[in-house]
Amino acid sequence: MLPTRRPPALPDAGLLIGRLAVGVIFVAHGWQKVFDTGHAGVADGFDKLGIPLPDLSALFASYVELLGGAALIVGLLTPLAGVLIALNMGGAFWYVHKGHGIFSENGGYEYVMVLAGVALLLAATGAGRFSLDAVIWRRRENAPEHESIPA
């Protein structure tokens, strides 16, 4: 029989591991777009894929991946980063992968589906106690109330 009690830090450790894994993947892809391929190359590739507004879409995808991935790693603005990353993966699904079935080996959507799912999971659950979000919100919750100044 499995124990019914688990250490309280265990779910937070799981969130940290998930954030690190997904964050590193997105930083790597964003870094590649921003610093290796460059904006013009990404926009040209998006144009060839039929992605609307390729210049704007390239800017969005590049920086959501780079900065959103970094935000996941440190656990900062995790709900926002998770939603933006999921939207980015929704675009990848719609414009690149949906017509190829589920399996990645055939150009399918399994990879973007897992990344979007984990990003939404993090957006919904938050970053956990091992994050900047926890530090910032804990400080705000513990801040003393300011007395109102009488008029």
C-alpha atoms as a PDB file:
ATOM      1  CA  MET A   1       0.000   0.000   0.000  1.00  0.00           C
ATOM      2  CA  LEU A   2       1.287   3.469  -0.880  1.00  0.00           C
ATOM      3  CA  PRO A   3       1.712   5.987   1.920  1.00  0.00           C
ATOM      4  CA  THR A   4      -1.081   8.540   2.073  1.00  0.00           C
ATOM      5  CA  ARG A   5       1.111  11.334   3.376  1.00  0.00           C
ATOM      6  CA  ARG A   6       3.876  12.877   1.369  1.00  0.00           C
ATOM      7  CA  PRO A   7       6.390  15.532   2.315  1.00  0.00           C
ATOM      8  CA  PRO A   8       4.863  18.991   1.785  1.00  0.00           C
ATOM      9  CA  ALA A   9       7.753  20.108  -0.431  1.00  0.00           C
ATOM     10  CA  LEU A  10       7.301  17.218  -2.872  1.00  0.00           C
ATOM     11  CA  PRO A  11       4.654  18.866  -5.135  1.00  0.00           C
ATOM     12  CA  ASP A  12       6.764  22.039  -5.187  1.00  0.00           C
ATOM     13  CA  ALA A  13       9.824  20.005  -6.171  1.00  0.00           C
ATOM     14  CA  GLY A  14       7.789  18.466  -8.992  1.00  0.00           C
ATOM     15  CA  LEU A  15       6.741  21.916 -10.204  1.00  0.00           C
ATOM     16  CA  LEU A  16      10.374  23.044 -10.106  1.00  0.00           C
ATOM     17  CA  ILE A  17      11.502  20.055 -12.170  1.00  0.00           C
ATOM     18  CA  GLY A  18       8.726  20.627 -14.714  1.00  0.00           C
ATOM     19  CA  ARG A  19       9.492  24.362 -14.933  1.00  0.00           C
ATOM     20  CA  LEU A  20      13.189  23.699 -15.436  1.00  0.00           C
ATOM     21  CA  ALA A  21      12.660  21.053 -18.113  1.00  0.00           C
ATOM     22  CA  VAL A  22      10.164  23.035 -20.161  1.00  0.00           C
ATOM     23  CA  GLY A  23      11.878  26.365 -19.526  1.00  0.00           C
ATOM     24  CA  VAL A  24      15.225  25.104 -20.815  1.00  0.00           C
ATOM     25  CA  ILE A  25      13.574  23.777 -23.984  1.00  0.00           C
ATOM     26  CA  PHE A  26      11.932  27.132 -24.659  1.00  0.00           C
ATOM     27  CA  VAL A  27      15.039  29.176 -23.885  1.00  0.00           C
ATOM     28  CA  ALA A  28      16.990  26.994 -26.338  1.00  0.00           C
ATOM     29  CA  HIS A  29      14.395  27.428 -29.097  1.00  0.00           C
ATOM     30  CA  GLY A  30      14.024  31.141 -28.436  1.00  0.00           C
ATOM     31  CA  TRP A  31      17.792  31.609 -28.335  1.00  0.00           C
ATOM     32  CA  GLN A  32      18.072  29.821 -31.673  1.00  0.00           C
ATOM     33  CA  LYS A  33      15.418  32.078 -33.211  1.00  0.00           C
ATOM     34  CA  VAL A  34      16.787  35.346 -31.805  1.00  0.00           C
ATOM     35  CA  PHE A  35      20.560  34.823 -32.017  1.00  0.00           C
ATOM     36  CA  ASP A  36      21.201  32.079 -34.586  1.00  0.00           C
ATOM     37  CA  THR A  37      18.477  32.298 -37.235  1.00  0.00           C
ATOM     38  CA  GLY A  38      17.701  35.964 -36.624  1.00  0.00           C
ATOM     39  CA  HIS A  39      14.437  37.812 -37.005  1.00  0.00           C
ATOM     40  CA  ALA A  40      14.567  37.979 -40.816  1.00  0.00           C
ATOM     41  CA  GLY A  41      15.224  34.242 -41.101  1.00  0.00           C
ATOM     42  CA  VAL A  42      12.422  33.326 -38.696  1.00  0.00           C
ATOM     43  CA  ALA A  43       9.995  35.700 -40.409  1.00  0.00           C
ATOM     44  CA  ASP A  44      10.922  34.255 -43.813  1.00  0.00           C
ATOM     45  CA  GLY A  45      10.371  30.712 -42.525  1.00  0.00           C
ATOM     46  CA  PHE A  46       7.019  31.712 -41.029  1.00  0.00           C
ATOM     47  CA  ASP A  47       6.016  33.331 -44.330  1.00  0.00           C
ATOM     48  CA  LYS A  48       6.826  30.110 -46.206  1.00  0.00           C
ATOM     49  CA  LEU A  49       4.670  28.181 -43.714  1.00  0.00           C
ATOM     50  CA  GLY A  50       1.745  30.524 -44.374  1.00  0.00           C
ATOM     51  CA  ILE A  51       1.740  31.988 -40.876  1.00  0.00           C
ATOM     52  CA  PRO A  52      -0.104  35.311 -40.964  1.00  0.00           C
ATOM     53  CA  LEU A  53       1.807  38.502 -40.179  1.00  0.00           C
ATOM     54  CA  PRO A  54       5.126  36.652 -40.332  1.00  0.00           C
ATOM     55  CA  ASP A  55       7.228  39.569 -39.022  1.00  0.00           C
ATOM     56  CA  LEU A  56       5.012  40.083 -35.986  1.00  0.00           C
ATOM     57  CA  SER A  57       4.509  36.338 -35.484  1.00  0.00           C
ATOM     58  CA  ALA A  58       8.278  35.767 -35.597  1.00  0.00           C
ATOM     59  CA  LEU A  59       8.820  38.476 -33.006  1.00  0.00           C
ATOM     60  CA  PHE A  60       6.092  37.018 -30.767  1.00  0.00           C
ATOM     61  CA  ALA A  61       7.298  33.415 -31.055  1.00  0.00           C
ATOM     62  CA  SER A  62      10.979  34.264 -30.612  1.00  0.00           C
ATOM     63  CA  TYR A  63      10.563  36.338 -27.486  1.00  0.00           C
ATOM     64  CA  VAL A  64       7.778  34.292 -25.911  1.00  0.00           C
ATOM     65  CA  GLU A  65      10.044  31.272 -26.191  1.00  0.00           C
ATOM     66  CA  LEU A  66      13.191  33.044 -24.952  1.00  0.00           C
ATOM     67  CA  LEU A  67      11.712  35.211 -22.192  1.00  0.00           C
ATOM     68  CA  GLY A  68       8.819  32.880 -21.341  1.00  0.00           C
ATOM     69  CA  GLY A  69      11.253  29.992 -20.976  1.00  0.00           C
ATOM     70  CA  ALA A  70      13.479  32.087 -18.713  1.00  0.00           C
ATOM     71  CA  ALA A  71      10.419  33.105 -16.674  1.00  0.00           C
ATOM     72  CA  LEU A  72       9.504  29.443 -16.191  1.00  0.00           C
ATOM     73  CA  ILE A  73      13.031  28.568 -15.100  1.00  0.00           C
ATOM     74  CA  VAL A  74      13.055  31.154 -12.314  1.00  0.00           C
ATOM     75  CA  GLY A  75       9.321  30.919 -11.646  1.00  0.00           C
ATOM     76  CA  LEU A  76       8.468  34.540 -12.400  1.00  0.00           C
ATOM     77  CA  LEU A  77       5.034  35.525 -13.741  1.00  0.00           C
ATOM     78  CA  THR A  78       4.448  31.831 -14.282  1.00  0.00           C
ATOM     79  CA  PRO A  79       0.715  32.024 -15.126  1.00  0.00           C
ATOM     80  CA  LEU A  80       1.361  34.646 -17.820  1.00  0.00           C
ATOM     81  CA  ALA A  81       4.393  32.816 -19.216  1.00  0.00           C
ATOM     82  CA  GLY A  82       2.466  29.538 -19.284  1.00  0.00           C
ATOM     83  CA  VAL A  83      -0.489  31.005 -21.176  1.00  0.00           C
ATOM     84  CA  LEU A  84       1.722  32.804 -23.714  1.00  0.00           C
ATOM     85  CA  ILE A  85       3.790  29.669 -24.312  1.00  0.00           C
ATOM     86  CA  ALA A  86       0.621  27.600 -24.754  1.00  0.00           C
ATOM     87  CA  LEU A  87      -0.692  30.140 -27.286  1.00  0.00           C
ATOM     88  CA  ASN A  88       2.617  29.941 -29.124  1.00  0.00           C
ATOM     89  CA  MET A  89       2.359  26.150 -29.219  1.00  0.00           C
ATOM     90  CA  GLY A  90      -1.242  26.473 -30.394  1.00  0.00           C
ATOM     91  CA  GLY A  91       0.068  28.403 -33.385  1.00  0.00           C
ATOM     92  CA  ALA A  92       2.723  25.754 -34.024  1.00  0.00           C
ATOM     93  CA  PHE A  93       0.012  23.096 -33.888  1.00  0.00           C
ATOM     94  CA  TRP A  94      -2.345  24.964 -36.203  1.00  0.00           C
ATOM     95  CA  TYR A  95       0.098  26.154 -38.843  1.00  0.00           C
ATOM     96  CA  VAL A  96       2.713  23.410 -38.836  1.00  0.00           C
ATOM     97  CA  HIS A  97       1.710  20.110 -37.217  1.00  0.00           C
ATOM     98  CA  LYS A  98      -2.060  19.466 -37.311  1.00  0.00           C
ATOM     99  CA  GLY A  99      -2.157  17.834 -40.714  1.00  0.00           C
ATOM    100  CA  HIS A 100       0.572  15.322 -39.897  1.00  0.00           C
ATOM    101  CA  GLY A 101      -1.071  13.174 -37.227  1.00  0.00           C
ATOM    102  CA  ILE A 102       0.100  12.787 -33.675  1.00  0.00           C
ATOM    103  CA  PHE A 103       3.602  11.335 -34.009  1.00  0.00           C
ATOM    104  CA  SER A 104       6.609  13.673 -34.130  1.00  0.00           C
ATOM    105  CA  GLU A 105       8.514  11.379 -36.477  1.00  0.00           C
ATOM    106  CA  ASN A 106       5.916  12.253 -39.135  1.00  0.00           C
ATOM    107  CA  GLY A 107       5.906  15.975 -38.294  1.00  0.00           C
ATOM    108  CA  GLY A 108       2.968  15.467 -35.941  1.00  0.00           C
ATOM    109  CA  TYR A 109       1.840  17.421 -32.931  1.00  0.00           C
ATOM    110  CA  GLU A 110       2.758  15.259 -29.923  1.00  0.00           C
ATOM    111  CA  TYR A 111       5.685  17.487 -28.907  1.00  0.00           C
ATOM    112  CA  VAL A 112       3.814  20.796 -29.141  1.00  0.00           C
ATOM    113  CA  MET A 113       0.801  19.231 -27.413  1.00  0.00           C
ATOM    114  CA  VAL A 114       2.887  18.098 -24.426  1.00  0.00           C
ATOM    115  CA  LEU A 115       4.659  21.466 -24.194  1.00  0.00           C
ATOM    116  CA  ALA A 116       1.357  23.365 -24.357  1.00  0.00           C
ATOM    117  CA  GLY A 117      -0.202  21.043 -21.791  1.00  0.00           C
ATOM    118  CA  VAL A 118       2.651  21.477 -19.318  1.00  0.00           C
ATOM    119  CA  ALA A 119       2.665  25.243 -19.874  1.00  0.00           C
ATOM    120  CA  LEU A 120      -1.066  25.392 -19.103  1.00  0.00           C
ATOM    121  CA  LEU A 121      -0.581  23.118 -16.105  1.00  0.00           C
ATOM    122  CA  LEU A 122       2.025  25.532 -14.737  1.00  0.00           C
ATOM    123  CA  ALA A 123      -0.213  28.511 -15.519  1.00  0.00           C
ATOM    124  CA  ALA A 124      -3.050  26.912 -13.567  1.00  0.00           C
ATOM    125  CA  THR A 125      -1.069  25.591 -10.585  1.00  0.00           C
ATOM    126  CA  GLY A 126       1.534  28.306 -10.274  1.00  0.00           C
ATOM    127  CA  ALA A 127       5.259  27.888  -9.883  1.00  0.00           C
ATOM    128  CA  GLY A 128       5.336  26.415  -6.389  1.00  0.00           C
ATOM    129  CA  ARG A 129       7.322  27.506  -3.362  1.00  0.00           C
ATOM    130  CA  PHE A 130      10.710  27.224  -5.092  1.00  0.00           C
ATOM    131  CA  SER A 131      10.150  30.227  -7.341  1.00  0.00           C
ATOM    132  CA  LEU A 132      10.436  33.983  -7.520  1.00  0.00           C
ATOM    133  CA  ASP A 133       6.644  34.160  -7.673  1.00  0.00           C
ATOM    134  CA  ALA A 134       6.498  32.567  -4.215  1.00  0.00           C
ATOM    135  CA  VAL A 135       9.114  34.939  -2.831  1.00  0.00           C
ATOM    136  CA  ILE A 136       7.411  38.019  -4.262  1.00  0.00           C
ATOM    137  CA  TRP A 137       3.866  37.048  -3.265  1.00  0.00           C
ATOM    138  CA  ARG A 138       4.967  35.900   0.195  1.00  0.00           C
ATOM    139  CA  ARG A 139       6.538  39.319   0.729  1.00  0.00           C
ATOM    140  CA  ARG A 140       3.390  41.077  -0.444  1.00  0.00           C
ATOM    141  CA  GLU A 141       1.190  38.920   1.788  1.00  0.00           C
ATOM    142  CA  ASN A 142       3.433  39.581   4.804  1.00  0.00           C
ATOM    143  CA  ALA A 143       3.768  43.328   4.158  1.00  0.00           C
ATOM    144  CA  PRO A 144       2.279  45.450   6.942  1.00  0.00           C
ATOM    145  CA  GLU A 145      -0.979  47.190   6.219  1.00  0.00           C
ATOM    146  CA  HIS A 146      -0.604  50.913   5.731  1.00  0.00           C
ATOM    147  CA  GLU A 147      -2.825  52.975   7.914  1.00  0.00           C
ATOM    148  CA  SER A 148      -5.009  55.340   5.985  1.00  0.00           C
ATOM    149  CA  ILE A 149      -4.336  58.984   6.524  1.00  0.00           C
ATOM    150  CA  PRO A 150      -7.430  60.841   7.684  1.00  0.00           C
ATOM    151  CA  ALA A 151      -8.677  63.473   5.293  1.00  0.00           C
END
